[in-house]
C-alpha atoms as a PDB file:
ATOM      1  CA  MET A   1      16.878  -4.742  -7.664  1.00  0.00           C
ATOM      2  CA  ALA A   2      16.234  -2.913  -4.644  1.00  0.00           C
ATOM      3  CA  ALA A   3      14.397   0.386  -4.735  1.00  0.00           C
ATOM      4  CA  GLY A   4      17.546   2.296  -3.566  1.00  0.00           C
ATOM      5  CA  ASP A   5      19.433   0.922  -6.455  1.00  0.00           C
ATOM      6  CA  ILE A   6      19.467   3.802  -8.359  1.00  0.00           C
ATOM      7  CA  ALA A   7      22.159   2.822 -10.739  1.00  0.00           C
ATOM      8  CA  GLY A   8      20.902  -0.245 -11.279  1.00  0.00           C
ATOM      9  CA  HIS A   9      17.482   0.948 -12.206  1.00  0.00           C
ATOM     10  CA  ALA A  10      18.995   3.617 -14.759  1.00  0.00           C
ATOM     11  CA  ALA A  11      21.398   0.724 -15.871  1.00  0.00           C
ATOM     12  CA  ALA A  12      18.041  -1.185 -16.923  1.00  0.00           C
ATOM     13  CA  VAL A  13      16.501   1.659 -18.577  1.00  0.00           C
ATOM     14  CA  TYR A  14      19.075   2.883 -20.564  1.00  0.00           C
ATOM     15  CA  GLY A  15      21.988   0.306 -20.500  1.00  0.00           C
ATOM     16  CA  GLU A  16      25.347   1.060 -21.237  1.00  0.00           C
ATOM     17  CA  SER A  17      24.673   4.542 -22.006  1.00  0.00           C
ATOM     18  CA  THR A  18      22.979   5.811 -19.158  1.00  0.00           C
ATOM     19  CA  PRO A  19      22.340   9.807 -19.372  1.00  0.00           C
ATOM     20  CA  ALA A  20      24.901  12.284 -16.731  1.00  0.00           C
ATOM     21  CA  ALA A  21      21.887  13.408 -15.108  1.00  0.00           C
ATOM     22  CA  CYS A  22      20.646   9.576 -13.901  1.00  0.00           C
ATOM     23  CA  GLY A  23      23.811  10.129 -11.517  1.00  0.00           C
ATOM     24  CA  SER A  24      21.995  12.759  -9.386  1.00  0.00           C
ATOM     25  CA  LEU A  25      18.899  10.731  -8.851  1.00  0.00           C
ATOM     26  CA  ARG A  26      18.069  10.019  -5.009  1.00  0.00           C
ATOM     27  CA  ALA A  27      16.689   7.312  -4.148  1.00  0.00           C
ATOM     28  CA  PRO A  28      12.563   7.386  -4.047  1.00  0.00           C
ATOM     29  CA  ALA A  29      10.843   9.096  -0.459  1.00  0.00           C
ATOM     30  CA  PRO A  30       7.348   9.923   0.487  1.00  0.00           C
ATOM     31  CA  VAL A  31       6.855  13.548   0.361  1.00  0.00           C
ATOM     32  CA  SER A  32       6.621  13.629   4.269  1.00  0.00           C
ATOM     33  CA  ALA A  33      10.121  12.522   4.241  1.00  0.00           C
ATOM     34  CA  VAL A  34      11.440  15.887   2.729  1.00  0.00           C
ATOM     35  CA  ILE A  35       8.475  18.274   4.088  1.00  0.00           C
ATOM     36  CA  ASP A  36       6.151  18.077   7.300  1.00  0.00           C
ATOM     37  CA  VAL A  37       2.931  16.708   5.817  1.00  0.00           C
ATOM     38  CA  ASP A  38      -0.534  17.952   7.845  1.00  0.00           C
ATOM     39  CA  PHE A  39      -3.305  15.909   5.540  1.00  0.00           C
ATOM     40  CA  THR A  40      -2.721  12.972   3.170  1.00  0.00           C
ATOM     41  CA  VAL A  41      -5.625  11.288   1.127  1.00  0.00           C
ATOM     42  CA  PRO A  42      -5.124   7.406   0.651  1.00  0.00           C
ATOM     43  CA  CYS A  43      -5.792   5.114  -2.224  1.00  0.00           C
ATOM     44  CA  CYS A  44      -4.915   5.320  -5.551  1.00  0.00           C
ATOM     45  CA  PRO A  45      -6.727   6.427  -7.438  1.00  0.00           C
ATOM     46  CA  VAL A  46      -7.840   9.099  -4.563  1.00  0.00           C
ATOM     47  CA  ASP A  47     -11.559   8.361  -3.563  1.00  0.00           C
ATOM     48  CA  PRO A  48     -13.488  11.925  -4.040  1.00  0.00           C
ATOM     49  CA  PHE A  49     -15.234  11.051  -0.504  1.00  0.00           C
ATOM     50  CA  ASP A  50     -11.896  11.004   1.439  1.00  0.00           C
ATOM     51  CA  PHE A  51     -10.657  13.961  -0.580  1.00  0.00           C
ATOM     52  CA  VAL A  52     -13.822  16.031   0.442  1.00  0.00           C
ATOM     53  CA  ARG A  53     -13.137  14.596   3.837  1.00  0.00           C
ATOM     54  CA  VAL A  54      -9.399  15.808   4.402  1.00  0.00           C
ATOM     55  CA  LEU A  55     -10.276  18.853   2.806  1.00  0.00           C
ATOM     56  CA  ASP A  56     -13.077  19.397   5.256  1.00  0.00           C
ATOM     57  CA  ALA A  57     -10.350  18.386   8.034  1.00  0.00           C
ATOM     58  CA  ALA A  58      -7.798  21.048   6.275  1.00  0.00           C
ATOM     59  CA  LEU A  59     -10.526  24.051   6.289  1.00  0.00           C
ATOM     60  CA  TYR A  60     -12.531  23.561   8.876  1.00  0.00           C
ATOM     61  CA  GLY A  61     -10.710  21.251  11.457  1.00  0.00           C
ATOM     62  CA  SER A  62     -12.691  18.295  11.029  1.00  0.00           C
ATOM     63  CA  ASN A  63     -11.226  15.756  13.873  1.00  0.00           C
ATOM     64  CA  ARG A  64     -12.984  12.784  12.264  1.00  0.00           C
ATOM     65  CA  LEU A  65      -9.981  10.448  12.636  1.00  0.00           C
ATOM     66  CA  ALA A  66      -8.986   8.146   9.922  1.00  0.00           C
ATOM     67  CA  ALA A  67      -9.608   4.464   9.751  1.00  0.00           C
ATOM     68  CA  THR A  68      -7.013   2.526  10.886  1.00  0.00           C
ATOM     69  CA  SER A  69      -8.827  -1.261  10.839  1.00  0.00           C
ATOM     70  CA  ALA A  70      -7.865  -3.559   7.875  1.00  0.00           C
ATOM     71  CA  LEU A  71      -9.555  -3.557   5.113  1.00  0.00           C
ATOM     72  CA  CYS A  72     -11.194  -6.725   5.936  1.00  0.00           C
ATOM     73  CA  GLY A  73     -13.452  -5.594   7.993  1.00  0.00           C
ATOM     74  CA  GLU A  74     -15.322  -3.767   5.341  1.00  0.00           C
ATOM     75  CA  CYS A  75     -14.919  -6.017   2.695  1.00  0.00           C
ATOM     76  CA  SER A  76     -18.451  -7.215   1.042  1.00  0.00           C
ATOM     77  CA  ARG A  77     -16.625 -10.705  -0.169  1.00  0.00           C
ATOM     78  CA  ASN A  78     -17.371 -11.529   3.618  1.00  0.00           C
ATOM     79  CA  GLU A  79     -20.952 -12.311   2.466  1.00  0.00           C
ATOM     80  CA  GLY A  80     -19.845 -13.839  -0.385  1.00  0.00           C
ATOM     81  CA  GLY A  81     -16.425 -15.619   0.132  1.00  0.00           C
ATOM     82  CA  CYS A  82     -12.882 -14.335   0.523  1.00  0.00           C
ATOM     83  CA  LEU A  83     -10.556 -14.277  -2.117  1.00  0.00           C
ATOM     84  CA  TYR A  84      -8.518 -16.364  -0.623  1.00  0.00           C
ATOM     85  CA  ALA A  85     -10.949 -19.429  -0.519  1.00  0.00           C
ATOM     86  CA  ARG A  86     -10.777 -18.900  -4.064  1.00  0.00           C
ATOM     87  CA  GLY A  87      -6.786 -18.996  -3.864  1.00  0.00           C
ATOM     88  CA  GLN A  88      -6.468 -15.259  -4.743  1.00  0.00           C
ATOM     89  CA  MET A  89      -3.877 -13.304  -2.880  1.00  0.00           C
ATOM     90  CA  CYS A  90      -5.346  -9.984  -1.428  1.00  0.00           C
ATOM     91  CA  LEU A  91      -3.495  -7.435   0.911  1.00  0.00           C
ATOM     92  CA  GLY A  92      -6.756  -6.433   2.520  1.00  0.00           C
ATOM     93  CA  LEU A  93      -5.339  -8.663   5.862  1.00  0.00           C
ATOM     94  CA  VAL A  94      -2.780  -5.301   5.938  1.00  0.00           C
ATOM     95  CA  THR A  95      -4.206  -2.829   4.054  1.00  0.00           C
ATOM     96  CA  ARG A  96      -6.152   0.179   5.641  1.00  0.00           C
ATOM     97  CA  ALA A  97      -9.757   0.095   5.396  1.00  0.00           C
ATOM     98  CA  GLY A  98     -11.799   3.410   4.093  1.00  0.00           C
ATOM     99  CA  CYS A  99     -11.796   2.969   0.373  1.00  0.00           C
ATOM    100  CA  GLY A 100     -15.375   0.531   0.882  1.00  0.00           C
ATOM    101  CA  ALA A 101     -13.222  -2.485  -0.324  1.00  0.00           C
ATOM    102  CA  ARG A 102     -14.084  -1.567  -3.939  1.00  0.00           C
ATOM    103  CA  CYS A 103     -11.048  -3.836  -5.516  1.00  0.00           C
ATOM    104  CA  PRO A 104     -12.545  -6.890  -3.839  1.00  0.00           C
ATOM    105  CA  ALA A 105     -16.160  -6.274  -4.300  1.00  0.00           C
ATOM    106  CA  LEU A 106     -15.501  -6.509  -8.137  1.00  0.00           C
ATOM    107  CA  GLY A 107     -13.595 -10.054  -7.734  1.00  0.00           C
ATOM    108  CA  ARG A 108     -10.089  -8.427  -7.904  1.00  0.00           C
ATOM    109  CA  ALA A 109      -7.516  -8.786  -5.003  1.00  0.00           C
ATOM    110  CA  CYS A 110      -6.694  -5.802  -2.565  1.00  0.00           C
ATOM    111  CA  ASN A 111      -3.087  -4.321  -3.707  1.00  0.00           C
ATOM    112  CA  GLY A 112      -3.047  -2.262  -1.112  1.00  0.00           C
ATOM    113  CA  CYS A 113      -3.449   0.830  -2.239  1.00  0.00           C
ATOM    114  CA  ALA A 114      -5.185   2.641   0.706  1.00  0.00           C
ATOM    115  CA  GLY A 115      -1.292   2.000   2.627  1.00  0.00           C
ATOM    116  CA  LEU A 116      -0.461  -0.021   5.323  1.00  0.00           C
ATOM    117  CA  SER A 117      -2.599   0.052   8.456  1.00  0.00           C
ATOM    118  CA  PRO A 118      -1.445   1.061  11.591  1.00  0.00           C
ATOM    119  CA  ASP A 119      -3.122  -1.946  13.036  1.00  0.00           C
ATOM    120  CA  ALA A 120      -1.697  -4.596  10.382  1.00  0.00           C
ATOM    121  CA  ASN A 121      -0.161  -7.691  11.722  1.00  0.00           C
ATOM    122  CA  VAL A 122       2.135  -8.186   8.721  1.00  0.00           C
ATOM    123  CA  GLY A 123       3.913 -10.972   9.916  1.00  0.00           C
ATOM    124  CA  ALA A 124       0.441 -12.953  10.564  1.00  0.00           C
ATOM    125  CA  ALA A 125      -1.034 -11.894   7.290  1.00  0.00           C
ATOM    126  CA  ARG A 126       2.210 -13.743   5.540  1.00  0.00           C
ATOM    127  CA  ALA A 127       1.912 -16.693   7.616  1.00  0.00           C
ATOM    128  CA  PHE A 128      -1.537 -16.674   6.650  1.00  0.00           C
ATOM    129  CA  ALA A 129      -1.172 -16.505   2.778  1.00  0.00           C
ATOM    130  CA  ALA A 130       1.465 -19.331   2.816  1.00  0.00           C
ATOM    131  CA  SER A 131      -0.495 -21.517   4.952  1.00  0.00           C
ATOM    132  CA  ARG A 132      -3.228 -20.752   1.888  1.00  0.00           C
ATOM    133  CA  GLY A 133      -0.641 -21.826  -0.408  1.00  0.00           C
ATOM    134  CA  HIS A 134       0.959 -18.718  -1.779  1.00  0.00           C
ATOM    135  CA  VAL A 135       4.298 -18.009  -1.566  1.00  0.00           C
ATOM    136  CA  PRO A 136       5.599 -15.512   1.367  1.00  0.00           C
ATOM    137  CA  GLU A 137       7.892 -13.853  -1.186  1.00  0.00           C
ATOM    138  CA  ARG A 138       5.292 -13.044  -3.641  1.00  0.00           C
ATOM    139  CA  PHE A 139       2.719 -11.674  -0.889  1.00  0.00           C
ATOM    140  CA  ASP A 140       5.878  -9.790   0.462  1.00  0.00           C
ATOM    141  CA  GLU A 141       6.468  -8.261  -3.443  1.00  0.00           C
ATOM    142  CA  ALA A 142       2.882  -7.107  -3.798  1.00  0.00           C
ATOM    143  CA  LEU A 143       2.726  -5.520  -0.396  1.00  0.00           C
ATOM    144  CA  GLN A 144       5.800  -3.582  -1.423  1.00  0.00           C
ATOM    145  CA  MET A 145       4.055  -1.426  -4.222  1.00  0.00           C
ATOM    146  CA  PHE A 146       2.308   1.013  -2.091  1.00  0.00           C
ATOM    147  CA  ASN A 147       3.881  -0.127   1.213  1.00  0.00           C
ATOM    148  CA  ALA A 148       7.938  -0.034   0.601  1.00  0.00           C
ATOM    149  CA  VAL A 149       8.410   2.966   3.248  1.00  0.00           C
ATOM    150  CA  ALA A 150       5.941   1.727   5.739  1.00  0.00           C
ATOM    151  CA  LEU A 151       7.511  -1.580   6.169  1.00  0.00           C
ATOM    152  CA  ALA A 152      10.868  -0.372   6.278  1.00  0.00           C
ATOM    153  CA  ALA A 153       9.318   2.057   9.131  1.00  0.00           C
ATOM    154  CA  ALA A 154       7.905  -0.710  11.067  1.00  0.00           C
ATOM    155  CA  GLY A 155      10.701  -3.261  10.608  1.00  0.00           C
ATOM    156  CA  GLU A 156       9.184  -5.452   8.334  1.00  0.00           C
ATOM    157  CA  GLU A 157      11.367  -4.737   5.048  1.00  0.00           C
END
């Protein structure tokens, strides 16, 4: 079910008796599509250090650039074995760096909560995941969780 299928989502939740209020719902959109946004704090949950960095930029005009590289570059699993080598699919190939790769460090695959890296090559990452035995559609579904709007903007829906 597509994110924009509000009627379908309401029917799945409420069945035949969809409340009238659901008729006025709009498709989800990022805050930046509704108002001008000067600063964003990536990741879910928000990293306290990133929050302080963004607050510093807002208060004092810091010009420190946000990370644009992919998460794999800062992943400690580079030393102990990539999660792909263990048969797990990980979105670190296309996720913005900056969180310290906490999830992979704990043996959990990156779910992309920091957002899509501006440097990401989604097509190559999808092909790599497929070469490691993962279904490309499953890769795309996982990527949609935190990146649906960024993927649409990049023409990668």
